[in-house]
N, C-alpha and C. Protein backbone atom coordinates (compact mmCIF):
# COMPACT_ATOMS: atom_id res chain seq x y z
N MET A 1 -14.33 -2.81 12.59
CA MET A 1 -13.44 -1.62 12.55
C MET A 1 -12.13 -2.14 11.05
N GLU A 2 -12.01 -1.35 10.38
CA GLU A 2 -11.16 -1.21 9.57
C GLU A 2 -9.66 -1.61 10.40
N LYS A 3 -9.14 -2.39 9.70
CA LYS A 3 -7.56 -3.00 10.16
C LYS A 3 -6.53 -2.32 9.41
N LEU A 4 -5.46 -1.58 9.74
CA LEU A 4 -4.57 -1.04 8.75
C LEU A 4 -3.70 -1.63 8.44
N TYR A 5 -3.19 -1.91 7.21
CA TYR A 5 -1.72 -2.73 6.98
C TYR A 5 -0.69 -1.58 7.35
N ASP A 6 0.57 -2.71 7.48
CA ASP A 6 1.42 -1.95 8.42
C ASP A 6 2.40 -0.79 7.44
N SER A 7 2.28 -0.98 6.10
CA SER A 7 2.40 0.01 5.45
C SER A 7 2.06 1.38 5.29
N ASP A 8 0.64 1.12 5.87
CA ASP A 8 -0.63 2.50 6.45
C ASP A 8 0.29 3.48 7.61
N VAL A 9 0.94 2.90 8.06
CA VAL A 9 1.48 3.90 9.43
C VAL A 9 2.89 3.88 9.74
N THR A 10 3.55 4.93 9.89
CA THR A 10 5.02 5.29 9.53
C THR A 10 5.02 6.25 11.12
N LEU A 11 6.09 5.97 10.76
CA LEU A 11 6.61 7.26 12.16
C LEU A 11 7.68 8.36 11.53
N ARG A 12 8.04 9.51 11.66
CA ARG A 12 8.70 10.37 11.29
C ARG A 12 9.20 11.49 12.57
N SER A 13 9.35 12.30 12.50
CA SER A 13 10.14 13.37 13.24
C SER A 13 8.81 13.96 13.39
N LEU A 14 8.52 14.75 14.74
CA LEU A 14 7.32 15.70 14.42
C LEU A 14 7.75 17.05 13.89
N ASP A 15 6.76 17.56 13.67
CA ASP A 15 6.80 18.90 12.78
C ASP A 15 6.01 19.77 13.71
N ILE A 16 6.23 21.47 13.30
CA ILE A 16 5.27 22.63 13.89
C ILE A 16 4.12 21.93 13.06
N SER A 17 4.22 21.88 11.26
CA SER A 17 2.97 21.26 10.84
C SER A 17 1.96 20.56 11.43
N ASP A 18 2.40 19.82 12.27
CA ASP A 18 1.63 18.40 12.92
C ASP A 18 0.76 19.18 13.90
N ALA A 19 0.90 20.65 14.79
CA ALA A 19 0.32 21.22 15.57
C ALA A 19 -1.20 21.11 15.45
N ASP A 20 -1.79 21.21 13.99
CA ASP A 20 -3.29 21.23 14.06
C ASP A 20 -3.74 19.79 14.50
N ALA A 21 -2.91 18.76 14.05
CA ALA A 21 -3.49 17.51 14.09
C ALA A 21 -3.51 17.32 15.41
N ALA A 22 -2.11 17.51 16.40
CA ALA A 22 -1.78 17.21 17.36
C ALA A 22 -3.35 18.04 18.75
N VAL A 23 -3.82 18.82 17.86
CA VAL A 23 -4.48 19.63 18.59
C VAL A 23 -6.00 18.90 18.90
N GLN A 24 -6.11 17.94 17.71
CA GLN A 24 -7.50 17.14 17.84
C GLN A 24 -7.22 16.31 18.95
N TRP A 25 -5.97 15.30 19.39
CA TRP A 25 -5.92 14.66 20.34
C TRP A 25 -5.65 15.24 21.86
N TYR A 26 -4.85 16.28 21.73
CA TYR A 26 -5.27 17.19 22.86
C TYR A 26 -6.15 17.60 23.08
N THR A 27 -6.68 18.11 23.00
CA THR A 27 -8.62 18.34 23.36
C THR A 27 -9.21 17.45 23.44
N ASP A 28 -9.15 16.21 23.08
CA ASP A 28 -10.07 14.67 23.45
C ASP A 28 -10.27 14.00 24.72
N GLU A 29 -10.73 14.62 25.84
CA GLU A 29 -11.06 13.76 27.27
C GLU A 29 -11.15 12.54 27.05
N LYS A 30 -11.46 11.63 25.70
CA LYS A 30 -11.18 10.22 25.93
C LYS A 30 -9.86 10.05 25.91
N VAL A 31 -8.62 10.57 24.85
CA VAL A 31 -7.69 10.84 25.09
C VAL A 31 -6.47 10.82 26.30
N SER A 32 -6.90 11.91 26.63
CA SER A 32 -6.49 12.69 27.50
C SER A 32 -6.43 12.11 28.97
N ARG A 33 -7.74 11.06 29.08
CA ARG A 33 -8.11 10.45 30.40
C ARG A 33 -6.71 9.77 31.30
N PHE A 34 -6.08 9.15 30.30
CA PHE A 34 -4.91 8.36 30.78
C PHE A 34 -3.51 9.63 30.88
N CYS A 35 -3.61 9.98 30.53
CA CYS A 35 -2.04 10.81 29.95
C CYS A 35 -2.18 12.16 31.08
N SER A 36 -0.85 12.33 31.72
CA SER A 36 -0.53 13.64 32.58
C SER A 36 -1.36 15.04 32.36
N TRP A 37 -1.26 15.20 31.08
CA TRP A 37 -1.95 16.16 30.87
C TRP A 37 -3.53 16.16 30.71
N ASP A 38 -4.24 17.48 30.99
CA ASP A 38 -5.60 17.17 30.77
C ASP A 38 -5.94 17.76 29.57
N ALA A 39 -7.15 17.36 28.98
CA ALA A 39 -7.78 17.97 27.49
C ALA A 39 -7.07 20.00 27.76
N PHE A 40 -6.99 19.83 26.66
CA PHE A 40 -6.60 21.64 26.63
C PHE A 40 -8.34 22.15 25.75
N THR A 41 -8.27 22.65 26.79
CA THR A 41 -9.80 23.85 25.46
C THR A 41 -9.71 25.07 24.91
N THR A 42 -8.17 25.29 24.65
CA THR A 42 -8.27 26.18 23.18
C THR A 42 -7.03 25.62 22.76
N LYS A 43 -6.52 26.02 21.54
CA LYS A 43 -6.19 25.41 20.05
C LYS A 43 -4.74 26.03 20.86
N GLU A 44 -4.52 27.33 21.26
CA GLU A 44 -2.86 28.13 21.58
C GLU A 44 -2.62 27.31 22.96
N ALA A 45 -3.61 26.61 23.82
CA ALA A 45 -2.59 25.80 25.39
C ALA A 45 -2.50 24.72 24.50
N ALA A 46 -2.80 24.18 23.41
CA ALA A 46 -2.31 22.91 22.80
C ALA A 46 -1.13 23.11 21.97
N VAL A 47 -1.87 24.13 21.31
CA VAL A 47 -0.20 24.08 20.26
C VAL A 47 1.03 24.94 21.29
N GLN A 48 1.01 25.44 22.81
CA GLN A 48 2.07 25.60 23.07
C GLN A 48 2.92 24.50 23.78
N TYR A 49 2.12 23.53 24.41
CA TYR A 49 2.01 22.61 25.13
C TYR A 49 3.11 21.63 23.96
N PHE A 50 2.41 21.29 22.85
CA PHE A 50 3.03 20.64 21.49
C PHE A 50 4.22 21.30 21.19
N LEU A 51 4.63 22.59 21.71
CA LEU A 51 5.64 23.28 20.92
C LEU A 51 6.91 22.78 21.93
N LYS A 52 6.22 23.42 23.85
CA LYS A 52 7.32 22.69 24.45
C LYS A 52 7.71 21.25 24.65
N ASN A 53 7.15 20.20 24.53
CA ASN A 53 6.65 19.25 24.71
C ASN A 53 6.87 18.38 23.92
N GLY A 54 6.86 18.31 22.66
CA GLY A 54 6.78 17.53 21.68
C GLY A 54 7.98 17.90 21.01
N ILE A 55 7.91 19.09 19.78
CA ILE A 55 9.25 18.90 19.22
C ILE A 55 10.24 18.75 19.85
N THR A 56 10.98 19.58 21.24
CA THR A 56 11.95 19.85 21.52
C THR A 56 12.33 18.51 22.26
N HIS A 57 11.77 17.09 22.37
CA HIS A 57 11.98 16.00 22.92
C HIS A 57 13.08 15.15 22.25
N PRO A 58 13.78 14.75 23.08
CA PRO A 58 14.95 13.78 22.48
C PRO A 58 14.81 12.23 21.35
N TRP A 59 13.59 11.96 21.48
CA TRP A 59 12.89 11.02 20.77
C TRP A 59 11.53 11.04 20.55
N HIS A 60 11.08 11.34 19.86
CA HIS A 60 9.50 11.98 19.78
C HIS A 60 9.26 12.11 18.94
N LYS A 61 8.21 10.83 17.53
CA LYS A 61 7.42 10.71 16.52
C LYS A 61 6.25 10.92 16.23
N ALA A 62 5.76 11.53 15.10
CA ALA A 62 4.16 11.53 14.82
C ALA A 62 4.15 10.41 14.47
N ILE A 63 3.09 9.34 14.63
CA ILE A 63 2.45 8.52 14.32
C ILE A 63 1.72 8.45 13.34
N CYS A 64 2.10 8.64 12.02
CA CYS A 64 1.28 8.70 10.84
C CYS A 64 0.31 7.74 10.01
N VAL A 65 -1.29 8.09 9.84
CA VAL A 65 -1.80 7.10 8.99
C VAL A 65 -1.84 7.57 7.57
N SER A 66 -1.57 6.76 6.61
CA SER A 66 -1.43 7.64 5.03
C SER A 66 -0.79 8.39 4.99
N GLY A 67 -0.29 9.01 6.11
CA GLY A 67 0.98 10.75 5.38
C GLY A 67 0.27 11.22 6.46
N ARG A 68 -0.75 11.39 7.56
CA ARG A 68 -1.25 11.91 8.10
C ARG A 68 -1.21 11.81 9.69
N ALA A 69 -0.60 12.68 10.55
CA ALA A 69 -0.38 12.41 11.80
C ALA A 69 -1.32 12.40 12.63
N VAL A 70 -1.43 11.00 13.63
CA VAL A 70 -2.95 10.88 14.13
C VAL A 70 -2.32 10.30 15.63
N GLY A 71 -1.02 10.60 15.82
CA GLY A 71 -0.87 10.48 17.14
C GLY A 71 0.55 10.79 17.40
N SER A 72 0.87 10.25 18.68
CA SER A 72 2.58 10.53 18.61
C SER A 72 3.05 9.41 19.44
N VAL A 73 4.52 8.77 19.63
CA VAL A 73 4.82 7.68 20.46
C VAL A 73 6.39 8.57 20.98
N SER A 74 6.59 8.44 22.03
CA SER A 74 8.30 8.92 22.36
C SER A 74 8.76 8.03 23.46
N VAL A 75 10.26 8.17 23.17
CA VAL A 75 11.02 7.36 24.52
C VAL A 75 12.14 8.29 24.97
N SER A 76 11.91 8.20 26.49
CA SER A 76 12.38 9.25 27.35
C SER A 76 13.67 8.06 28.17
N PRO A 77 14.74 8.91 27.58
CA PRO A 77 16.17 7.57 27.88
C PRO A 77 16.16 8.63 29.92
N PHE A 78 16.79 7.15 30.04
CA PHE A 78 17.00 7.50 31.78
C PHE A 78 18.79 7.94 31.82
N GLN A 79 18.75 8.04 32.84
CA GLN A 79 20.33 8.61 32.80
C GLN A 79 20.97 8.50 33.58
N GLY A 80 22.30 8.55 34.00
CA GLY A 80 23.68 7.85 34.37
C GLY A 80 23.69 6.86 34.77
N LYS A 81 23.35 6.04 35.79
CA LYS A 81 23.56 4.48 36.03
C LYS A 81 22.47 3.74 35.20
N ASP A 82 21.22 4.15 35.24
CA ASP A 82 19.93 3.69 34.57
C ASP A 82 19.99 3.92 33.16
N LYS A 83 21.10 4.55 32.50
CA LYS A 83 21.17 4.65 31.16
C LYS A 83 20.77 3.89 30.11
N CYS A 84 20.92 2.58 30.79
CA CYS A 84 20.58 1.35 29.84
C CYS A 84 19.13 1.10 30.12
N ARG A 85 18.17 2.06 30.21
CA ARG A 85 16.89 2.14 30.81
C ARG A 85 16.50 3.42 29.51
N ALA A 86 14.71 3.05 29.47
CA ALA A 86 14.18 4.15 29.02
C ALA A 86 12.57 4.14 29.16
N GLU A 87 11.61 4.98 28.66
CA GLU A 87 10.24 4.38 28.98
C GLU A 87 9.85 4.95 27.74
N LEU A 88 8.46 3.99 27.53
CA LEU A 88 8.00 4.54 26.23
C LEU A 88 6.59 5.09 26.40
N GLY A 89 6.16 6.16 25.84
CA GLY A 89 4.60 6.67 26.21
C GLY A 89 4.25 6.60 24.70
N TYR A 90 2.74 6.62 24.10
CA TYR A 90 2.37 7.17 22.61
C TYR A 90 0.65 7.58 23.29
N VAL A 91 0.18 8.34 22.45
CA VAL A 91 -1.02 8.63 22.25
C VAL A 91 -1.48 8.62 21.05
N VAL A 92 -2.83 8.12 20.80
CA VAL A 92 -3.54 8.09 19.48
C VAL A 92 -4.46 8.72 19.10
N ALA A 93 -5.05 9.59 18.19
CA ALA A 93 -6.31 9.92 18.20
C ALA A 93 -7.74 9.03 18.54
N SER A 94 -8.70 8.84 19.05
CA SER A 94 -9.75 8.07 19.82
C SER A 94 -10.33 7.82 18.03
N GLU A 95 -10.58 8.50 17.24
CA GLU A 95 -11.08 7.55 15.73
C GLU A 95 -9.92 6.66 15.61
N TYR A 96 -9.01 6.31 15.46
CA TYR A 96 -7.98 5.28 15.33
C TYR A 96 -7.66 4.37 16.42
N TRP A 97 -8.35 4.76 17.36
CA TRP A 97 -8.54 3.17 17.91
C TRP A 97 -9.04 1.92 17.35
N GLY A 98 -8.26 1.00 18.06
CA GLY A 98 -9.00 -0.12 17.42
C GLY A 98 -8.39 -0.82 16.24
N LYS A 99 -7.52 0.10 15.28
CA LYS A 99 -7.62 -0.68 14.32
C LYS A 99 -5.93 -0.94 14.37
N GLY A 100 -5.61 -1.22 15.43
CA GLY A 100 -3.82 -1.76 15.39
C GLY A 100 -3.07 -0.52 15.19
N VAL A 101 -3.02 0.67 14.94
CA VAL A 101 -2.08 1.87 14.56
C VAL A 101 -1.24 1.54 15.66
N ALA A 102 -1.46 1.94 17.05
CA ALA A 102 -0.89 1.92 18.43
C ALA A 102 0.15 1.18 18.43
N THR A 103 -0.40 -0.78 18.35
CA THR A 103 0.37 -1.64 18.34
C THR A 103 1.47 -1.29 17.64
N ARG A 104 0.79 -1.16 16.24
CA ARG A 104 2.11 -1.15 15.13
C ARG A 104 3.24 -0.12 15.03
N ALA A 105 2.68 1.13 15.95
CA ALA A 105 3.48 2.06 15.83
C ALA A 105 4.52 2.00 17.40
N VAL A 106 4.12 1.24 18.49
CA VAL A 106 4.66 0.83 19.51
C VAL A 106 5.81 -0.55 19.13
N LYS A 107 5.27 -1.36 18.44
CA LYS A 107 6.72 -2.09 17.66
C LYS A 107 7.84 -1.38 16.74
N MET A 108 6.93 -0.59 16.16
CA MET A 108 8.30 0.25 14.86
C MET A 108 9.29 1.00 15.93
N ALA A 109 8.73 1.87 17.04
CA ALA A 109 9.01 2.52 17.68
C ALA A 109 10.57 1.68 18.42
N ALA A 110 9.87 0.43 19.12
CA ALA A 110 10.88 -0.46 19.89
C ALA A 110 11.89 -0.91 19.19
N ALA A 111 12.02 -1.04 18.09
CA ALA A 111 12.65 -1.64 16.90
C ALA A 111 13.85 -0.49 16.62
N ALA A 112 13.37 0.52 16.40
CA ALA A 112 13.91 2.25 15.92
C ALA A 112 14.97 2.55 17.08
N VAL A 113 13.98 2.78 18.16
CA VAL A 113 14.88 3.12 19.75
C VAL A 113 16.16 2.42 20.06
N PHE A 114 15.65 0.82 19.85
CA PHE A 114 17.06 -0.28 20.11
C PHE A 114 17.99 0.03 18.90
N ALA A 115 17.45 -0.17 17.90
CA ALA A 115 18.95 0.52 16.52
C ALA A 115 19.48 1.34 16.68
N GLU A 116 18.78 2.30 17.26
CA GLU A 116 19.62 3.49 17.31
C GLU A 116 20.55 4.11 18.29
N TRP A 117 19.82 3.27 19.85
CA TRP A 117 20.73 3.31 20.44
C TRP A 117 21.39 2.50 21.42
N ASP A 118 23.01 2.12 20.66
CA ASP A 118 23.29 1.14 21.11
C ASP A 118 23.49 0.72 22.44
N HIS A 119 23.50 1.56 23.73
CA HIS A 119 23.70 1.47 24.53
C HIS A 119 22.00 0.85 25.81
N LEU A 120 21.25 0.87 25.35
CA LEU A 120 20.18 0.80 25.82
C LEU A 120 19.41 -0.95 25.53
N GLU A 121 19.11 -0.87 26.80
CA GLU A 121 18.91 -2.68 27.18
C GLU A 121 17.56 -3.12 27.39
N ARG A 122 16.67 -1.73 28.23
CA ARG A 122 15.61 -2.12 28.64
C ARG A 122 14.61 -1.04 28.22
N LEU A 123 13.08 -1.20 27.39
CA LEU A 123 12.32 -0.02 27.04
C LEU A 123 11.11 -0.53 27.66
N GLU A 124 10.88 0.41 28.96
CA GLU A 124 9.57 0.36 29.68
C GLU A 124 8.21 0.69 29.47
N ALA A 125 7.02 0.53 29.91
CA ALA A 125 6.44 1.25 29.21
C ALA A 125 5.22 1.06 30.86
N VAL A 126 4.66 2.13 31.16
CA VAL A 126 3.80 2.53 32.43
C VAL A 126 2.92 2.31 32.29
N VAL A 127 1.86 1.96 32.21
CA VAL A 127 0.05 1.63 32.03
C VAL A 127 -0.49 1.69 33.54
N ASP A 128 -1.54 2.38 33.38
CA ASP A 128 -2.66 2.83 34.27
C ASP A 128 -3.08 1.02 34.21
N VAL A 129 -3.62 1.09 35.60
CA VAL A 129 -4.38 -0.44 35.82
C VAL A 129 -5.61 -0.21 35.57
N ASP A 130 -6.31 0.84 35.09
CA ASP A 130 -7.63 0.88 34.47
C ASP A 130 -7.72 1.04 33.23
N ASN A 131 -6.60 1.05 32.53
CA ASN A 131 -6.40 0.88 30.90
C ASN A 131 -5.74 -0.18 30.40
N PRO A 132 -7.14 -0.93 30.33
CA PRO A 132 -6.70 -2.40 29.74
C PRO A 132 -6.19 -2.22 28.30
N ALA A 133 -6.95 -1.40 27.72
CA ALA A 133 -6.70 -1.28 26.15
C ALA A 133 -5.41 -1.21 26.08
N SER A 134 -4.41 0.08 26.76
CA SER A 134 -3.08 0.24 26.25
C SER A 134 -2.37 -0.81 26.36
N GLN A 135 -2.89 -1.85 27.75
CA GLN A 135 -2.08 -2.78 28.44
C GLN A 135 -1.98 -4.32 27.13
N ARG A 136 -3.00 -4.01 26.79
CA ARG A 136 -3.12 -5.23 25.18
C ARG A 136 -1.98 -4.37 23.90
N VAL A 137 -2.21 -3.04 24.17
CA VAL A 137 -1.18 -3.13 22.95
C VAL A 137 0.04 -3.04 23.23
N VAL A 138 0.26 -2.68 24.21
CA VAL A 138 2.18 -3.18 24.31
C VAL A 138 2.52 -4.70 24.45
N GLU A 139 1.68 -5.11 25.37
CA GLU A 139 1.82 -6.95 25.22
C GLU A 139 1.41 -7.54 23.59
N LYS A 140 0.74 -6.90 22.41
CA LYS A 140 0.79 -6.86 21.37
C LYS A 140 2.36 -6.85 20.87
N ALA A 141 2.53 -5.89 21.16
CA ALA A 141 4.10 -5.13 20.55
C ALA A 141 5.12 -6.08 21.32
N GLY A 142 4.68 -6.98 22.09
CA GLY A 142 6.00 -8.03 22.38
C GLY A 142 6.53 -7.84 23.72
N PHE A 143 5.80 -6.44 24.95
CA PHE A 143 6.25 -6.25 26.12
C PHE A 143 5.61 -7.46 26.82
N LYS A 144 6.77 -7.72 27.61
CA LYS A 144 5.80 -8.53 28.82
C LYS A 144 5.66 -7.84 29.95
N ARG A 145 4.28 -8.21 30.61
CA ARG A 145 4.44 -7.63 31.50
C ARG A 145 5.26 -8.27 32.92
N GLU A 146 4.95 -7.71 33.84
CA GLU A 146 5.91 -7.53 34.62
C GLU A 146 5.55 -7.61 36.23
N GLY A 147 4.38 -6.44 36.49
CA GLY A 147 3.94 -6.47 37.76
C GLY A 147 3.33 -5.25 38.00
N VAL A 148 2.63 -5.02 39.14
CA VAL A 148 1.66 -3.92 39.40
C VAL A 148 2.50 -3.13 40.35
N LEU A 149 2.66 -1.69 39.73
CA LEU A 149 3.47 -0.47 40.80
C LEU A 149 2.21 0.04 41.75
N ARG A 150 2.15 -0.33 42.90
CA ARG A 150 1.13 0.21 43.85
C ARG A 150 0.92 1.59 44.04
N LYS A 151 0.22 2.71 43.59
CA LYS A 151 0.18 4.11 43.85
C LYS A 151 1.55 4.98 43.49
N TYR A 152 1.61 4.52 41.77
CA TYR A 152 2.97 4.59 41.79
C TYR A 152 3.19 6.04 41.10
N TYR A 153 2.19 6.39 40.79
CA TYR A 153 2.31 8.12 39.96
C TYR A 153 1.08 8.60 40.46
N LEU A 154 0.80 9.92 40.31
CA LEU A 154 -0.17 10.68 40.47
C LEU A 154 -0.82 11.33 38.36
N LEU A 155 -2.03 11.00 39.05
CA LEU A 155 -3.11 11.26 37.73
C LEU A 155 -4.35 12.05 37.93
N LYS A 156 -4.02 13.26 37.68
CA LYS A 156 -5.15 14.40 37.50
C LYS A 156 -4.96 14.57 39.47
N GLY A 157 -4.27 14.51 40.13
CA GLY A 157 -3.77 14.61 41.52
C GLY A 157 -3.90 13.98 42.21
N LYS A 158 -4.26 12.27 41.60
CA LYS A 158 -4.75 11.47 42.47
C LYS A 158 -3.66 9.68 42.84
N PRO A 159 -3.40 9.30 43.60
CA PRO A 159 -2.39 7.75 43.20
C PRO A 159 -2.60 7.37 42.70
N LYS A 160 -2.09 6.51 41.89
CA LYS A 160 -2.81 5.73 40.85
C LYS A 160 -1.94 4.69 40.92
N ASP A 161 -2.57 3.04 40.33
CA ASP A 161 -1.61 2.39 40.51
C ASP A 161 -1.13 1.90 39.23
N ALA A 162 0.09 1.33 38.59
CA ALA A 162 0.06 1.06 37.47
C ALA A 162 0.60 -0.35 37.24
N VAL A 163 0.46 -0.74 35.94
CA VAL A 163 1.69 -2.06 35.51
C VAL A 163 2.82 -1.65 34.54
N ILE A 164 3.48 -2.31 34.83
CA ILE A 164 4.99 -2.33 34.22
C ILE A 164 4.98 -3.24 33.10
N PHE A 165 5.64 -2.70 31.95
CA PHE A 165 5.57 -3.75 30.91
C PHE A 165 7.06 -3.35 30.73
N SER A 166 8.09 -4.25 30.06
CA SER A 166 9.29 -4.40 29.14
C SER A 166 9.18 -4.96 28.12
N ILE A 167 9.94 -4.51 27.42
CA ILE A 167 11.02 -5.52 26.11
C ILE A 167 12.36 -5.36 26.24
N LEU A 168 12.96 -6.43 26.15
CA LEU A 168 14.56 -6.26 25.91
C LEU A 168 15.02 -5.89 24.62
N SER A 169 16.03 -5.62 24.35
CA SER A 169 16.93 -5.34 22.86
C SER A 169 17.24 -6.88 22.70
N THR A 170 17.17 -7.56 23.55
CA THR A 170 17.79 -9.17 22.91
C THR A 170 15.96 -10.17 23.00
N ASP A 171 15.12 -9.22 23.18
CA ASP A 171 13.49 -10.12 22.68
C ASP A 171 13.47 -9.84 21.10
N LEU A 172 14.24 -8.95 21.17
CA LEU A 172 13.49 -8.20 19.56
C LEU A 172 14.56 -9.26 18.63
N THR A 173 16.12 -9.28 19.02
CA THR A 173 16.88 -10.06 17.89
C THR A 173 16.74 -11.72 17.89
N SER A 174 15.61 -12.32 19.14
CA SER A 174 15.31 -13.59 19.54
C SER A 174 13.94 -13.95 18.97
N SER A 175 13.17 -13.26 18.23
CA SER A 175 12.33 -13.76 17.78
C SER A 175 12.49 -13.48 16.42
């Protein structure tokens, strides 16, 4: 598989013009397997989800390869006493799996959000135990595996175990 150079992978704000590209990953069952949403069966349903959950999110960026949106990465901040933490999530079109796109995007997102949010100390990624590829992505991006959270969340209506990873603001400055 062709590896992409860092300069080929960029992050930018999501835009309504990304909806058509987003439909490709929102309707792909391989992509949605470990996501909270089911694969959409119509373009209209995917576009509505994208408009409601993508563009309005506080920190949600398009992952682009050579200028074309091929996925997205988001960081969801915690509130109140937990505002020093946030959770990272990402999705990449299956045709770009295994090319380093997700790892590069996660590294870029972590660096950007720590730079933008001076109150942020810890960025977490919660990954399904049955998704070793995503676990490798966050580990290669510098996140540390902390442990397994048993029956931590519901996926497609079934309780699932998850592996929690984190990266600290000090991890970026010390490397």
